């Protein structure tokens, strides 16, 4: 990665609240628009994964063969 691009992208480090398009406020506008699009897609995929994982493991305790450790 070229150093100028790395420097521009590093402006986004530490930003980004989950699914909040307004949380990316640094960087040049064209680059911010591109990063925002990728960020929102990644956030949507993460949301879908978390939801699917919750559904998949929701009843693990109910169907576990081993007695509970509680």
PDB file of N, CA and C in Angstrom:
ATOM      1  N   UNK A   1       0.860  -1.171   0.000  1.00  0.00           N
ATOM      2  CA  UNK A   1       0.000   0.000   0.000  1.00  0.00           C
ATOM      3  C   UNK A   1       0.904   1.232   0.000  1.00  0.00           C
ATOM      4  N   UNK A   2       0.523   2.202  -0.791  1.00  0.00           N
ATOM      5  CA  UNK A   2       1.338   3.410  -0.859  1.00  0.00           C
ATOM      6  C   UNK A   2       1.212   4.209   0.434  1.00  0.00           C
ATOM      7  N   UNK A   3       2.279   4.882   0.770  1.00  0.00           N
ATOM      8  CA  UNK A   3       2.306   5.633   2.022  1.00  0.00           C
ATOM      9  C   UNK A   3       1.241   6.737   2.077  1.00  0.00           C
ATOM     10  N   UNK A   4       1.013   7.508   1.004  1.00  0.00           N
ATOM     11  CA  UNK A   4      -0.048   8.538   1.082  1.00  0.00           C
ATOM     12  C   UNK A   4      -1.440   7.934   1.318  1.00  0.00           C
ATOM     13  N   UNK A   5      -1.726   6.802   0.658  1.00  0.00           N
ATOM     14  CA  UNK A   5      -3.026   6.163   0.858  1.00  0.00           C
ATOM     15  C   UNK A   5      -3.136   5.619   2.279  1.00  0.00           C
ATOM     16  N   UNK A   6      -2.053   5.029   2.769  1.00  0.00           N
ATOM     17  CA  UNK A   6      -2.040   4.520   4.145  1.00  0.00           C
ATOM     18  C   UNK A   6      -2.303   5.661   5.124  1.00  0.00           C
ATOM     19  N   UNK A   7      -1.692   6.799   4.893  1.00  0.00           N
ATOM     20  CA  UNK A   7      -1.875   7.959   5.767  1.00  0.00           C
ATOM     21  C   UNK A   7      -3.334   8.425   5.730  1.00  0.00           C
ATOM     22  N   UNK A   8      -3.919   8.446   4.531  1.00  0.00           N
ATOM     23  CA  UNK A   8      -5.320   8.882   4.417  1.00  0.00           C
ATOM     24  C   UNK A   8      -6.261   7.883   5.095  1.00  0.00           C
ATOM     25  N   UNK A   9      -5.989   6.595   4.917  1.00  0.00           N
ATOM     26  CA  UNK A   9      -6.845   5.584   5.536  1.00  0.00           C
ATOM     27  C   UNK A   9      -6.693   5.554   7.055  1.00  0.00           C
ATOM     28  N   UNK A  10      -5.504   5.883   7.546  1.00  0.00           N
ATOM     29  CA  UNK A  10      -5.293   5.870   8.993  1.00  0.00           C
ATOM     30  C   UNK A  10      -6.110   6.949   9.701  1.00  0.00           C
ATOM     31  N   UNK A  11      -6.628   7.914   8.951  1.00  0.00           N
ATOM     32  CA  UNK A  11      -7.496   8.943   9.539  1.00  0.00           C
ATOM     33  C   UNK A  11      -8.788   8.329  10.072  1.00  0.00           C
ATOM     34  N   UNK A  12      -9.143   7.134   9.575  1.00  0.00           N
ATOM     35  CA  UNK A  12     -10.385   6.477   9.994  1.00  0.00           C
ATOM     36  C   UNK A  12     -10.193   5.556  11.199  1.00  0.00           C
ATOM     37  N   UNK A  13      -8.966   5.361  11.634  1.00  0.00           N
ATOM     38  CA  UNK A  13      -8.698   4.453  12.754  1.00  0.00           C
ATOM     39  C   UNK A  13      -9.409   4.945  14.012  1.00  0.00           C
ATOM     40  N   UNK A  14     -10.090   4.031  14.683  1.00  0.00           N
ATOM     41  CA  UNK A  14     -10.778   4.359  15.918  1.00  0.00           C
ATOM     42  C   UNK A  14     -12.149   4.970  15.737  1.00  0.00           C
ATOM     43  N   UNK A  15     -12.556   5.171  14.497  1.00  0.00           N
ATOM     44  CA  UNK A  15     -13.883   5.733  14.248  1.00  0.00           C
ATOM     45  C   UNK A  15     -14.846   4.610  13.928  1.00  0.00           C
ATOM     46  N   UNK A  16     -16.078   4.934  13.854  1.00  0.00           N
ATOM     47  CA  UNK A  16     -17.084   3.976  13.439  1.00  0.00           C
ATOM     48  C   UNK A  16     -17.822   3.337  14.583  1.00  0.00           C
ATOM     49  N   UNK A  17     -18.959   3.904  14.919  1.00  0.00           N
ATOM     50  CA  UNK A  17     -19.860   3.269  15.878  1.00  0.00           C
ATOM     51  C   UNK A  17     -20.716   2.287  15.094  1.00  0.00           C
ATOM     52  N   UNK A  18     -21.068   1.184  15.726  1.00  0.00           N
ATOM     53  CA  UNK A  18     -21.760   0.110  15.031  1.00  0.00           C
ATOM     54  C   UNK A  18     -23.011   0.612  14.315  1.00  0.00           C
ATOM     55  N   UNK A  19     -23.036   0.423  13.001  1.00  0.00           N
ATOM     56  CA  UNK A  19     -24.153   0.805  12.127  1.00  0.00           C
ATOM     57  C   UNK A  19     -24.508   2.291  12.186  1.00  0.00           C
ATOM     58  N   UNK A  20     -23.548   3.144  12.433  1.00  0.00           N
ATOM     59  CA  UNK A  20     -23.788   4.588  12.470  1.00  0.00           C
ATOM     60  C   UNK A  20     -23.010   5.249  11.346  1.00  0.00           C
ATOM     61  N   UNK A  21     -23.710   5.600  10.274  1.00  0.00           N
ATOM     62  CA  UNK A  21     -23.064   6.192   9.102  1.00  0.00           C
ATOM     63  C   UNK A  21     -22.409   7.528   9.416  1.00  0.00           C
ATOM     64  N   UNK A  22     -22.903   8.236  10.412  1.00  0.00           N
ATOM     65  CA  UNK A  22     -22.343   9.548  10.750  1.00  0.00           C
ATOM     66  C   UNK A  22     -21.097   9.460  11.616  1.00  0.00           C
ATOM     67  N   UNK A  23     -20.717   8.266  12.027  1.00  0.00           N
ATOM     68  CA  UNK A  23     -19.571   8.135  12.924  1.00  0.00           C
ATOM     69  C   UNK A  23     -18.232   8.195  12.196  1.00  0.00           C
ATOM     70  N   UNK A  24     -18.234   8.104  10.880  1.00  0.00           N
ATOM     71  CA  UNK A  24     -17.009   8.267  10.095  1.00  0.00           C
ATOM     72  C   UNK A  24     -16.966   9.703   9.601  1.00  0.00           C
ATOM     73  N   UNK A  25     -16.212  10.527  10.280  1.00  0.00           N
ATOM     74  CA  UNK A  25     -16.238  11.946   9.944  1.00  0.00           C
ATOM     75  C   UNK A  25     -14.903  12.481   9.450  1.00  0.00           C
ATOM     76  N   UNK A  26     -13.829  11.706   9.541  1.00  0.00           N
ATOM     77  CA  UNK A  26     -12.519  12.180   9.105  1.00  0.00           C
ATOM     78  C   UNK A  26     -12.258  11.759   7.668  1.00  0.00           C
ATOM     79  N   UNK A  27     -11.174  12.226   7.145  1.00  0.00           N
ATOM     80  CA  UNK A  27     -10.745  11.830   5.803  1.00  0.00           C
ATOM     81  C   UNK A  27     -11.352  12.690   4.720  1.00  0.00           C
ATOM     82  N   UNK A  28     -10.746  12.577   3.546  1.00  0.00           N
ATOM     83  CA  UNK A  28     -11.253  13.332   2.394  1.00  0.00           C
ATOM     84  C   UNK A  28     -12.586  12.755   1.946  1.00  0.00           C
ATOM     85  N   UNK A  29     -13.459  13.621   1.450  1.00  0.00           N
ATOM     86  CA  UNK A  29     -14.831  13.228   1.143  1.00  0.00           C
ATOM     87  C   UNK A  29     -14.931  12.040   0.174  1.00  0.00           C
ATOM     88  N   UNK A  30     -14.208  11.997  -0.946  1.00  0.00           N
ATOM     89  CA  UNK A  30     -14.338  10.836  -1.840  1.00  0.00           C
ATOM     90  C   UNK A  30     -13.899   9.531  -1.175  1.00  0.00           C
ATOM     91  N   UNK A  31     -12.829   9.589  -0.417  1.00  0.00           N
ATOM     92  CA  UNK A  31     -12.348   8.401   0.276  1.00  0.00           C
ATOM     93  C   UNK A  31     -13.313   8.021   1.394  1.00  0.00           C
ATOM     94  N   UNK A  32     -13.837   9.003   2.099  1.00  0.00           N
ATOM     95  CA  UNK A  32     -14.799   8.742   3.178  1.00  0.00           C
ATOM     96  C   UNK A  32     -16.042   8.048   2.617  1.00  0.00           C
ATOM     97  N   UNK A  33     -16.480   8.466   1.437  1.00  0.00           N
ATOM     98  CA  UNK A  33     -17.652   7.850   0.808  1.00  0.00           C
ATOM     99  C   UNK A  33     -17.389   6.371   0.492  1.00  0.00           C
ATOM    100  N   UNK A  34     -16.188   6.074  -0.027  1.00  0.00           N
ATOM    101  CA  UNK A  34     -15.828   4.691  -0.348  1.00  0.00           C
ATOM    102  C   UNK A  34     -15.690   3.853   0.919  1.00  0.00           C
ATOM    103  N   UNK A  35     -15.032   4.393   1.928  1.00  0.00           N
ATOM    104  CA  UNK A  35     -14.849   3.668   3.187  1.00  0.00           C
ATOM    105  C   UNK A  35     -16.199   3.463   3.864  1.00  0.00           C
ATOM    106  N   UNK A  36     -17.055   4.466   3.831  1.00  0.00           N
ATOM    107  CA  UNK A  36     -18.374   4.363   4.457  1.00  0.00           C
ATOM    108  C   UNK A  36     -19.178   3.232   3.841  1.00  0.00           C
ATOM    109  N   UNK A  37     -19.132   3.117   2.541  1.00  0.00           N
ATOM    110  CA  UNK A  37     -19.879   2.053   1.870  1.00  0.00           C
ATOM    111  C   UNK A  37     -19.382   0.678   2.327  1.00  0.00           C
ATOM    112  N   UNK A  38     -18.073   0.496   2.359  1.00  0.00           N
ATOM    113  CA  UNK A  38     -17.507  -0.781   2.817  1.00  0.00           C
ATOM    114  C   UNK A  38     -17.819  -1.015   4.291  1.00  0.00           C
ATOM    115  N   UNK A  39     -17.756   0.055   5.083  1.00  0.00           N
ATOM    116  CA  UNK A  39     -18.037  -0.049   6.517  1.00  0.00           C
ATOM    117  C   UNK A  39     -19.469  -0.504   6.762  1.00  0.00           C
ATOM    118  N   UNK A  40     -20.422   0.080   6.050  1.00  0.00           N
ATOM    119  CA  UNK A  40     -21.826  -0.278   6.257  1.00  0.00           C
ATOM    120  C   UNK A  40     -22.111  -1.704   5.803  1.00  0.00           C
ATOM    121  N   UNK A  41     -21.465  -2.148   4.732  1.00  0.00           N
ATOM    122  CA  UNK A  41     -21.624  -3.532   4.292  1.00  0.00           C
ATOM    123  C   UNK A  41     -21.060  -4.482   5.346  1.00  0.00           C
ATOM    124  N   UNK A  42     -19.887  -4.165   5.869  1.00  0.00           N
ATOM    125  CA  UNK A  42     -19.273  -5.000   6.905  1.00  0.00           C
ATOM    126  C   UNK A  42     -20.131  -5.022   8.165  1.00  0.00           C
ATOM    127  N   UNK A  43     -20.687  -3.875   8.541  1.00  0.00           N
ATOM    128  CA  UNK A  43     -21.546  -3.814   9.731  1.00  0.00           C
ATOM    129  C   UNK A  43     -22.810  -4.633   9.526  1.00  0.00           C
ATOM    130  N   UNK A  44     -23.371  -4.598   8.319  1.00  0.00           N
ATOM    131  CA  UNK A  44     -24.567  -5.383   8.030  1.00  0.00           C
ATOM    132  C   UNK A  44     -24.253  -6.880   8.107  1.00  0.00           C
ATOM    133  N   UNK A  45     -23.114  -7.285   7.548  1.00  0.00           N
ATOM    134  CA  UNK A  45     -22.725  -8.696   7.625  1.00  0.00           C
ATOM    135  C   UNK A  45     -22.494  -9.131   9.067  1.00  0.00           C
ATOM    136  N   UNK A  46     -21.877  -8.266   9.859  1.00  0.00           N
ATOM    137  CA  UNK A  46     -21.645  -8.595  11.270  1.00  0.00           C
ATOM    138  C   UNK A  46     -22.969  -8.734  12.014  1.00  0.00           C
ATOM    139  N   UNK A  47     -23.918  -7.857  11.728  1.00  0.00           N
ATOM    140  CA  UNK A  47     -25.234  -7.922  12.357  1.00  0.00           C
ATOM    141  C   UNK A  47     -25.936  -9.221  11.990  1.00  0.00           C
ATOM    142  N   UNK A  48     -25.864  -9.594  10.715  1.00  0.00           N
ATOM    143  CA  UNK A  48     -26.493 -10.836  10.265  1.00  0.00           C
ATOM    144  C   UNK A  48     -25.828 -12.042  10.917  1.00  0.00           C
ATOM    145  N   UNK A  49     -24.508 -12.024  11.039  1.00  0.00           N
ATOM    146  CA  UNK A  49     -23.782 -13.131  11.656  1.00  0.00           C
ATOM    147  C   UNK A  49     -24.171 -13.280  13.131  1.00  0.00           C
ATOM    148  N   UNK A  50     -24.199 -12.175  13.856  1.00  0.00           N
ATOM    149  CA  UNK A  50     -24.548 -12.225  15.277  1.00  0.00           C
ATOM    150  C   UNK A  50     -25.963 -12.766  15.446  1.00  0.00           C
ATOM    151  N   UNK A  51     -26.885 -12.308  14.609  1.00  0.00           N
ATOM    152  CA  UNK A  51     -28.259 -12.797  14.682  1.00  0.00           C
ATOM    153  C   UNK A  51     -28.357 -14.277  14.388  1.00  0.00           C
ATOM    154  N   UNK A  52     -27.661 -14.729  13.357  1.00  0.00           N
ATOM    155  CA  UNK A  52     -27.689 -16.148  12.996  1.00  0.00           C
ATOM    156  C   UNK A  52     -27.035 -16.987  14.078  1.00  0.00           C
ATOM    157  N   UNK A  53     -25.963 -16.506  14.659  1.00  0.00           N
ATOM    158  CA  UNK A  53     -25.269 -17.250  15.720  1.00  0.00           C
ATOM    159  C   UNK A  53     -26.155 -17.368  16.959  1.00  0.00           C
ATOM    160  N   UNK A  54     -26.891 -16.324  17.275  1.00  0.00           N
ATOM    161  CA  UNK A  54     -27.811 -16.386  18.418  1.00  0.00           C
ATOM    162  C   UNK A  54     -28.900 -17.424  18.174  1.00  0.00           C
ATOM    163  N   UNK A  55     -29.453 -17.423  16.948  1.00  0.00           N
ATOM    164  CA  UNK A  55     -30.485 -18.405  16.632  1.00  0.00           C
ATOM    165  C   UNK A  55     -29.915 -19.814  16.681  1.00  0.00           C
ATOM    166  N   UNK A  56     -28.711 -19.987  16.189  1.00  0.00           N
ATOM    167  CA  UNK A  56     -28.091 -21.298  16.097  1.00  0.00           C
ATOM    168  C   UNK A  56     -27.764 -21.866  17.473  1.00  0.00           C
ATOM    169  N   UNK A  57     -27.416 -21.021  18.411  1.00  0.00           N
ATOM    170  CA  UNK A  57     -26.996 -21.500  19.729  1.00  0.00           C
ATOM    171  C   UNK A  57     -28.025 -21.214  20.830  1.00  0.00           C
ATOM    172  N   UNK A  58     -29.190 -20.731  20.460  1.00  0.00           N
ATOM    173  CA  UNK A  58     -30.170 -20.297  21.451  1.00  0.00           C
ATOM    174  C   UNK A  58     -30.586 -21.415  22.406  1.00  0.00           C
ATOM    175  N   UNK A  59     -30.668 -22.633  21.912  1.00  0.00           N
ATOM    176  CA  UNK A  59     -31.177 -23.716  22.746  1.00  0.00           C
ATOM    177  C   UNK A  59     -30.125 -24.786  23.016  1.00  0.00           C
ATOM    178  N   UNK A  60     -28.873 -24.438  22.915  1.00  0.00           N
ATOM    179  CA  UNK A  60     -27.809 -25.407  23.172  1.00  0.00           C
ATOM    180  C   UNK A  60     -27.924 -26.017  24.563  1.00  0.00           C
ATOM    181  N   UNK A  61     -28.237 -25.225  25.552  1.00  0.00           N
ATOM    182  CA  UNK A  61     -28.350 -25.729  26.925  1.00  0.00           C
ATOM    183  C   UNK A  61     -29.501 -26.733  27.051  1.00  0.00           C
ATOM    184  N   UNK A  62     -30.566 -26.518  26.293  1.00  0.00           N
ATOM    185  CA  UNK A  62     -31.741 -27.396  26.383  1.00  0.00           C
ATOM    186  C   UNK A  62     -31.449 -28.791  25.841  1.00  0.00           C
ATOM    187  N   UNK A  63     -30.580 -28.860  24.828  1.00  0.00           N
ATOM    188  CA  UNK A  63     -30.331 -30.140  24.166  1.00  0.00           C
ATOM    189  C   UNK A  63     -28.948 -30.699  24.472  1.00  0.00           C
ATOM    190  N   UNK A  64     -28.326 -30.194  25.480  1.00  0.00           N
ATOM    191  CA  UNK A  64     -27.013 -30.658  25.872  1.00  0.00           C
ATOM    192  C   UNK A  64     -27.147 -31.975  26.640  1.00  0.00           C
ATOM    193  N   UNK A  65     -26.341 -32.978  26.278  1.00  0.00           N
ATOM    194  CA  UNK A  65     -26.388 -34.276  26.942  1.00  0.00           C
ATOM    195  C   UNK A  65     -25.777 -34.253  28.332  1.00  0.00           C
ATOM    196  N   UNK A  66     -24.868 -33.341  28.542  1.00  0.00           N
ATOM    197  CA  UNK A  66     -24.169 -33.263  29.828  1.00  0.00           C
ATOM    198  C   UNK A  66     -24.972 -32.424  30.813  1.00  0.00           C
ATOM    199  N   UNK A  67     -24.931 -32.756  32.087  1.00  0.00           N
ATOM    200  CA  UNK A  67     -25.636 -31.931  33.083  1.00  0.00           C
ATOM    201  C   UNK A  67     -25.005 -30.548  33.187  1.00  0.00           C
ATOM    202  N   UNK A  68     -25.825 -29.590  33.533  1.00  0.00           N
ATOM    203  CA  UNK A  68     -25.355 -28.204  33.669  1.00  0.00           C
ATOM    204  C   UNK A  68     -24.359 -28.096  34.819  1.00  0.00           C
ATOM    205  N   UNK A  69     -23.394 -27.194  34.680  1.00  0.00           N
ATOM    206  CA  UNK A  69     -22.368 -26.979  35.719  1.00  0.00           C
ATOM    207  C   UNK A  69     -22.863 -26.053  36.828  1.00  0.00           C
ATOM    208  N   UNK A  70     -24.071 -25.536  36.715  1.00  0.00           N
ATOM    209  CA  UNK A  70     -24.591 -24.586  37.719  1.00  0.00           C
ATOM    210  C   UNK A  70     -24.919 -25.217  39.008  1.00  0.00           C
TER     211      UNK A  70
END
